[in-house]
Amino acid sequence: MRTTVAATLLALLATGCGMLPAGETATPSAIPSPRVELVGDAAVFDPVPTTGYGFMLPGAGVVAADASHAWAVGFGDERGDQEVFHLTWTAGTTDWQVADGRVGRSIGLAFDPPGAIPSSVLAPDDGGEWVMYFAASPEGGDDGTDIWRATAPGPGGPWTADPEPVLARTAVPTEDGGEPTQLDFPAVVRTDDGHRMLFGWSPSRATTLIRSATSPDGVTWTVADEPAIDLGLCGGFDTRSVAMPRLAAHPNGGWVALYGGFSADAEAGMSIGLARSTDGLAWGCGSSGPVLERADIPGSELIHSYALLAGEGDAPMRLLVESLVDDQSALWLAELRLD
């Protein structure tokens, strides 16, 4: 049964991240080489003993009040058996802990499996509410996903979703005027004049690119006309598909985005690349190659997902990376080192 779940996760990843024909590849030159380095020599979270789920997809992360928070989706053996967990980690400790279980049940809306997949959470900067952005398909829908927003008084919830998506597929049509199959993995940050978002956009079930949008209030969004991160941005490892963006302010100004890249070698799975932008609209390659790939993680069979934990002040940016090994998830902590 676990093998079936693993195959389902891989199918979801392939569908959501696209499998494009090989396109033109970029040839970066004289590009700095940021890197992602694992923290420690062992995984920091085994989902089975604490959640009962063998597969755990970390999507959203944030650093607030000297603690790191992540929201991860546990996948069970049966379709529809998914739950959102709130995990925490404090510097100086070894492992991540489950702070709140099954937090997705408080959202208040019914979604088709796999339910809500959080990929951004904003901590309050003024004593207000926590804000979550997630992808989901309404119950009884057509299997496509839109981008939704929910708020809560604290990181563990209870979360209350807005009644309608903040960005629907109809707002980002395909070139022929049709409706994309899904919008997913919204990466949202606050800016001086509102909010900025990167998100996955699938004009067909075989294609995913990364688009950008801006908002004055985090609710009403305006989507840029062209993709933000296109195929082959950094060459080689990202020529078939780009997906799962994670967005943060660069400490030296501008923006940095991590993204999942897929090459012509289907066996390689997802590698994580890095892009840079001064204005959040025009993006260029930020590394001479992937900053993290499967071979960098001991025993890894596949990198399936990851959450970005943007540091405060001079604190490093960290990642919580899901590696599939022995037919289940193992979560590793890593640091993004920017040159």
Protein backbone atom coordinates (compact mmCIF):
# COMPACT_ATOMS: atom_id res chain seq x y z
CA MET A 1 0.00 0.00 0.00
CA ARG A 2 2.87 2.39 0.77
CA THR A 3 4.20 1.79 -2.73
CA THR A 4 0.83 2.88 -4.11
CA VAL A 5 0.98 6.09 -2.09
CA ALA A 6 4.52 6.76 -3.29
CA ALA A 7 3.40 6.31 -6.87
CA THR A 8 0.47 8.66 -6.24
CA LEU A 9 2.78 11.32 -4.84
CA LEU A 10 5.09 10.99 -7.82
CA ALA A 11 2.11 11.30 -10.16
CA LEU A 12 0.90 14.41 -8.34
CA LEU A 13 4.37 15.89 -8.58
CA ALA A 14 4.68 15.11 -12.27
CA THR A 15 1.23 16.51 -13.01
CA GLY A 16 1.68 19.61 -10.89
CA CYS A 17 5.18 20.34 -12.07
CA GLY A 18 4.75 19.49 -15.73
CA MET A 19 6.81 17.42 -18.11
CA LEU A 20 7.70 19.62 -21.06
CA PRO A 21 9.53 18.78 -24.25
CA ALA A 22 13.12 19.91 -24.02
CA GLY A 23 13.48 23.58 -24.91
CA GLU A 24 16.36 25.94 -25.31
CA THR A 25 18.81 25.94 -22.43
CA ALA A 26 20.45 28.92 -20.85
CA THR A 27 24.21 29.02 -20.63
CA PRO A 28 25.00 30.97 -17.47
CA SER A 29 28.46 32.50 -17.28
CA ALA A 30 30.26 34.17 -14.40
CA ILE A 31 27.26 33.48 -12.13
CA PRO A 32 27.83 33.32 -8.38
CA SER A 33 27.38 29.93 -6.80
CA PRO A 34 25.00 30.00 -3.86
CA ARG A 35 24.53 26.61 -2.29
CA VAL A 36 22.31 24.69 0.08
CA GLU A 37 24.10 22.75 2.81
CA LEU A 38 22.49 20.13 5.03
CA VAL A 39 22.47 20.86 8.76
CA GLY A 40 23.76 17.74 10.48
CA ASP A 41 24.13 14.25 9.09
CA ALA A 42 20.64 12.91 9.77
CA ALA A 43 17.03 13.76 9.02
CA VAL A 44 15.32 16.01 11.59
CA PHE A 45 11.79 14.64 11.33
CA ASP A 46 10.40 11.13 10.89
CA PRO A 47 6.63 11.52 10.40
CA VAL A 48 5.58 7.98 11.29
CA PRO A 49 6.05 7.94 15.10
CA THR A 50 4.51 11.37 15.68
CA THR A 51 1.79 11.62 13.03
CA GLY A 52 1.11 8.09 11.82
CA TYR A 53 1.69 9.24 8.24
CA GLY A 54 4.53 7.81 6.18
CA PHE A 55 4.60 10.71 3.74
CA MET A 56 4.92 14.33 4.81
CA LEU A 57 5.02 17.20 2.29
CA PRO A 58 6.44 20.43 3.79
CA GLY A 59 5.04 23.41 1.92
CA ALA A 60 4.94 26.57 4.01
CA GLY A 61 7.52 27.88 6.46
CA VAL A 62 8.29 31.03 8.40
CA VAL A 63 10.59 32.23 11.18
CA ALA A 64 8.86 34.19 13.95
CA ALA A 65 9.69 34.98 17.57
CA ASP A 66 12.94 32.97 17.51
CA ALA A 67 11.16 29.82 16.37
CA SER A 68 10.84 28.19 12.95
CA HIS A 69 7.41 27.04 11.85
CA ALA A 70 6.40 24.74 9.00
CA TRP A 71 3.07 23.49 7.74
CA ALA A 72 3.28 20.03 6.23
CA VAL A 73 0.70 17.72 4.68
CA GLY A 74 0.62 14.11 5.81
CA PHE A 75 -0.49 11.61 3.15
CA GLY A 76 -2.13 8.35 4.21
CA ASP A 77 -2.68 5.13 2.33
CA GLU A 78 -6.12 5.99 0.99
CA ARG A 79 -7.27 8.79 -1.29
CA GLY A 80 -8.67 11.57 0.88
CA ASP A 81 -6.58 10.64 3.91
CA GLN A 82 -4.52 13.82 4.17
CA GLU A 83 -3.95 16.14 7.12
CA VAL A 84 -2.10 19.42 7.65
CA PHE A 85 0.31 19.53 10.60
CA HIS A 86 1.99 22.54 12.21
CA LEU A 87 5.63 21.74 13.02
CA THR A 88 8.10 23.81 15.05
CA TRP A 89 11.85 23.95 15.60
CA THR A 90 13.95 26.10 17.93
CA ALA A 91 17.63 26.85 17.35
CA GLY A 92 19.81 24.72 19.57
CA THR A 93 17.50 21.71 19.38
CA THR A 94 17.93 18.73 17.11
CA ASP A 95 14.56 17.65 15.76
CA TRP A 96 11.33 19.25 14.61
CA GLN A 97 8.23 18.67 16.74
CA VAL A 98 4.49 18.52 16.01
CA ALA A 99 3.00 21.58 17.68
CA ASP A 100 -0.54 21.19 16.35
CA GLY A 101 -2.08 18.28 14.48
CA ARG A 102 -4.80 18.23 11.86
CA VAL A 103 -4.93 22.03 11.62
CA GLY A 104 -6.46 21.88 8.15
CA ARG A 105 -9.78 20.68 9.54
CA SER A 106 -10.54 24.18 10.86
CA ILE A 107 -10.39 25.88 7.46
CA GLY A 108 -14.16 25.68 7.09
CA LEU A 109 -14.42 24.83 3.37
CA ALA A 110 -14.68 21.40 1.77
CA PHE A 111 -12.05 20.52 -0.83
CA ASP A 112 -11.46 17.54 -3.04
CA PRO A 113 -8.46 15.34 -2.17
CA PRO A 114 -5.72 16.08 -1.37
CA GLY A 115 -7.34 19.10 0.30
CA ALA A 116 -5.45 22.26 1.17
CA ILE A 117 -1.73 22.31 0.31
CA PRO A 118 -0.22 25.31 2.17
CA SER A 119 2.90 26.87 0.65
CA SER A 120 3.07 30.31 2.32
CA VAL A 121 2.30 31.56 5.82
CA LEU A 122 2.87 35.18 6.86
CA ALA A 123 3.41 35.91 10.54
CA PRO A 124 1.72 39.09 11.80
CA ASP A 125 3.94 42.15 11.76
CA ASP A 126 1.56 44.31 13.77
CA GLY A 127 0.00 41.97 16.29
CA GLY A 128 -2.70 40.99 13.81
CA GLU A 129 -3.61 37.69 12.22
CA TRP A 130 -1.50 34.97 10.70
CA VAL A 131 -2.19 34.53 6.96
CA MET A 132 -1.93 31.28 4.99
CA TYR A 133 -1.96 30.85 1.21
CA PHE A 134 -2.70 27.43 -0.23
CA ALA A 135 -3.78 25.60 -3.37
CA ALA A 136 -6.93 23.50 -3.39
CA SER A 137 -9.80 22.29 -5.55
CA PRO A 138 -13.37 22.89 -4.32
CA GLU A 139 -15.34 19.79 -3.43
CA GLY A 140 -16.97 18.35 -6.53
CA GLY A 141 -14.73 20.42 -8.81
CA ASP A 142 -12.89 19.41 -11.96
CA ASP A 143 -9.59 18.39 -10.31
CA GLY A 144 -7.98 21.74 -11.07
CA THR A 145 -6.67 23.92 -8.25
CA ASP A 146 -6.95 27.62 -7.43
CA ILE A 147 -5.14 29.77 -4.87
CA TRP A 148 -6.89 30.44 -1.57
CA ARG A 149 -6.24 32.48 1.58
CA ALA A 150 -7.00 31.76 5.25
CA THR A 151 -6.37 33.64 8.50
CA ALA A 152 -5.84 32.56 12.12
CA PRO A 153 -5.11 34.12 15.51
CA GLY A 154 -2.01 31.92 15.89
CA PRO A 155 0.17 29.53 13.88
CA GLY A 156 -1.78 26.48 15.03
CA GLY A 157 -5.13 27.93 13.98
CA PRO A 158 -8.04 27.73 13.96
CA TRP A 159 -7.76 28.78 10.31
CA THR A 160 -10.69 30.40 8.52
CA ALA A 161 -10.59 30.44 4.73
CA ASP A 162 -11.95 33.25 2.59
CA PRO A 163 -15.14 32.02 0.86
CA GLU A 164 -13.67 32.39 -2.64
CA PRO A 165 -10.16 31.89 -4.05
CA VAL A 166 -7.98 34.99 -4.13
CA LEU A 167 -6.62 33.89 -7.52
CA ALA A 168 -8.71 31.64 -9.73
CA ARG A 169 -7.66 29.82 -12.88
CA THR A 170 -9.96 32.01 -14.95
CA ALA A 171 -7.82 35.03 -14.03
CA VAL A 172 -4.71 33.55 -15.71
CA PRO A 173 -5.87 32.23 -19.09
CA THR A 174 -3.73 30.28 -21.50
CA GLU A 175 -2.44 31.74 -24.77
CA ASP A 176 -5.46 30.41 -26.64
CA GLY A 177 -7.83 31.96 -24.09
CA GLY A 178 -8.57 28.69 -22.32
CA GLU A 179 -8.50 27.93 -18.61
CA PRO A 180 -5.27 26.51 -17.12
CA THR A 181 -5.55 23.18 -15.37
CA GLN A 182 -4.24 24.53 -12.10
CA LEU A 183 -2.57 27.29 -10.09
CA ASP A 184 -0.48 25.99 -7.21
CA PHE A 185 2.28 26.51 -4.65
CA PRO A 186 1.74 30.24 -4.05
CA ALA A 187 4.82 31.92 -2.55
CA VAL A 188 3.78 35.23 -0.96
CA VAL A 189 5.82 37.94 0.77
CA ARG A 190 4.98 41.38 2.10
CA THR A 191 6.54 44.40 0.39
CA ASP A 192 6.72 48.10 1.18
CA ASP A 193 3.61 48.72 -0.92
CA GLY A 194 1.65 45.50 -0.54
CA HIS A 195 2.36 41.87 -1.42
CA ARG A 196 4.19 39.90 -4.09
CA MET A 197 3.53 36.34 -5.23
CA LEU A 198 5.14 33.65 -7.36
CA PHE A 199 3.01 30.63 -8.23
CA GLY A 200 2.89 27.59 -10.47
CA TRP A 201 0.78 27.90 -13.63
CA SER A 202 -0.19 24.88 -15.71
CA PRO A 203 -1.64 25.84 -19.10
CA SER A 204 -2.09 22.09 -19.71
CA ARG A 205 -1.60 18.89 -17.75
CA ALA A 206 1.82 18.50 -19.37
CA THR A 207 3.14 21.99 -18.69
CA THR A 208 4.04 24.11 -15.63
CA LEU A 209 5.76 27.49 -15.56
CA ILE A 210 6.11 30.07 -12.78
CA ARG A 211 4.11 33.31 -12.91
CA SER A 212 4.16 36.42 -10.70
CA ALA A 213 1.50 38.72 -9.26
CA THR A 214 1.23 41.77 -7.01
CA SER A 215 -1.44 42.92 -4.57
CA PRO A 216 -2.04 46.00 -2.40
CA ASP A 217 -3.75 43.96 0.33
CA GLY A 218 -2.96 40.26 -0.20
CA VAL A 219 -6.50 39.64 -1.43
CA THR A 220 -6.86 41.30 -4.84
CA TRP A 221 -4.09 40.23 -7.23
CA THR A 222 -2.81 41.49 -10.57
CA VAL A 223 -0.89 38.90 -12.60
CA ALA A 224 2.09 39.90 -14.77
CA ASP A 225 1.67 39.24 -18.48
CA GLU A 226 4.69 36.96 -18.94
CA PRO A 227 6.07 34.01 -16.96
CA ALA A 228 8.53 35.02 -14.23
CA ILE A 229 10.66 31.85 -14.42
CA ASP A 230 10.68 30.02 -17.73
CA LEU A 231 12.22 26.78 -18.93
CA GLY A 232 15.99 26.53 -19.02
CA LEU A 233 16.57 29.61 -16.86
CA CYS A 234 19.74 28.11 -15.42
CA GLY A 235 20.29 25.45 -18.08
CA GLY A 236 20.34 21.67 -17.96
CA PHE A 237 18.44 20.69 -14.85
CA ASP A 238 15.38 22.89 -15.53
CA THR A 239 14.70 22.43 -19.24
CA ARG A 240 11.54 20.30 -18.93
CA SER A 241 9.63 22.03 -16.11
CA VAL A 242 9.91 24.69 -13.42
CA ALA A 243 7.64 24.61 -10.36
CA MET A 244 7.21 24.98 -6.57
CA PRO A 245 8.58 28.53 -6.18
CA ARG A 246 9.69 29.87 -2.79
CA LEU A 247 10.24 33.62 -2.49
CA ALA A 248 12.19 35.86 -0.10
CA ALA A 249 13.85 39.26 0.02
CA HIS A 250 17.57 39.08 -0.75
CA PRO A 251 19.67 40.50 2.12
CA ASN A 252 21.58 42.67 -0.37
CA GLY A 253 18.45 43.99 -2.05
CA GLY A 254 15.99 42.65 -4.58
CA TRP A 255 14.54 39.17 -4.45
CA VAL A 256 15.64 35.57 -4.44
CA ALA A 257 13.48 32.62 -5.51
CA LEU A 258 14.07 28.92 -5.12
CA TYR A 259 12.28 26.66 -7.57
CA GLY A 260 12.03 23.02 -8.54
CA GLY A 261 13.61 22.16 -11.87
CA PHE A 262 13.17 19.02 -13.98
CA SER A 263 15.55 17.96 -16.73
CA ALA A 264 15.27 15.63 -19.70
CA ASP A 265 16.46 12.83 -17.38
CA ALA A 266 13.22 11.72 -15.76
CA GLU A 267 15.13 9.52 -13.29
CA ALA A 268 16.84 12.57 -11.78
CA GLY A 269 13.60 13.88 -10.32
CA MET A 270 13.48 17.41 -8.97
CA SER A 271 16.55 19.56 -8.34
CA ILE A 272 16.30 22.93 -6.62
CA GLY A 273 17.46 26.00 -8.52
CA LEU A 274 17.83 29.65 -7.60
CA ALA A 275 16.74 32.82 -9.42
CA ARG A 276 17.43 36.51 -8.72
CA SER A 277 15.45 39.66 -9.46
CA THR A 278 15.84 43.35 -8.68
CA ASP A 279 12.16 44.20 -9.14
CA GLY A 280 10.35 40.88 -8.72
CA LEU A 281 9.21 40.97 -12.36
CA ALA A 282 12.29 40.22 -14.47
CA TRP A 283 14.13 37.13 -13.22
CA GLY A 284 17.56 35.79 -14.09
CA CYS A 285 19.59 32.76 -13.15
CA GLY A 286 21.12 33.09 -9.70
CA SER A 287 23.38 30.04 -9.71
CA SER A 288 25.60 28.15 -12.11
CA GLY A 289 23.59 24.98 -11.45
CA PRO A 290 21.15 23.49 -8.95
CA VAL A 291 21.75 24.52 -5.34
CA LEU A 292 20.44 21.16 -4.09
CA GLU A 293 19.87 17.85 -5.84
CA ARG A 294 19.07 14.29 -4.85
CA ALA A 295 22.71 13.21 -4.68
CA ASP A 296 23.37 15.81 -1.96
CA ILE A 297 21.06 14.01 0.50
CA PRO A 298 22.30 10.67 1.91
CA GLY A 299 20.21 7.76 0.67
CA SER A 300 17.71 9.97 -1.15
CA GLU A 301 15.61 8.44 -3.90
CA LEU A 302 13.86 11.70 -4.75
CA ILE A 303 13.44 15.30 -3.56
CA HIS A 304 9.67 15.69 -3.40
CA SER A 305 9.04 19.07 -1.77
CA TYR A 306 10.52 21.69 0.53
CA ALA A 307 9.60 24.69 2.67
CA LEU A 308 11.63 27.90 2.83
CA LEU A 309 12.21 29.45 6.27
CA ALA A 310 13.30 33.02 5.60
CA GLY A 311 15.56 34.28 8.38
CA GLU A 312 15.13 37.45 10.38
CA GLY A 313 17.93 40.02 10.18
CA ASP A 314 21.25 38.26 9.65
CA ALA A 315 19.79 34.80 10.34
CA PRO A 316 20.39 32.34 7.48
CA MET A 317 17.60 31.18 5.23
CA ARG A 318 16.77 27.56 5.98
CA LEU A 319 14.93 24.85 4.13
CA LEU A 320 12.97 21.87 5.37
CA VAL A 321 13.45 19.36 2.55
CA GLU A 322 11.38 16.23 1.98
CA SER A 323 13.44 13.33 0.70
CA LEU A 324 11.78 10.05 -0.23
CA VAL A 325 13.70 7.00 0.97
CA ASP A 326 12.62 3.42 1.73
CA ASP A 327 9.08 4.25 0.61
CA GLN A 328 8.46 7.10 3.05
CA SER A 329 9.42 10.71 3.73
CA ALA A 330 12.38 11.94 5.72
CA LEU A 331 12.67 15.67 6.40
CA TRP A 332 16.12 17.30 6.40
CA LEU A 333 17.10 20.76 7.60
CA ALA A 334 19.38 22.75 5.31
CA GLU A 335 20.76 26.28 5.03
CA LEU A 336 20.81 28.45 1.92
CA ARG A 337 24.12 30.26 1.69
CA LEU A 338 24.08 33.22 -0.67
CA ASP A 339 27.37 34.52 -2.05
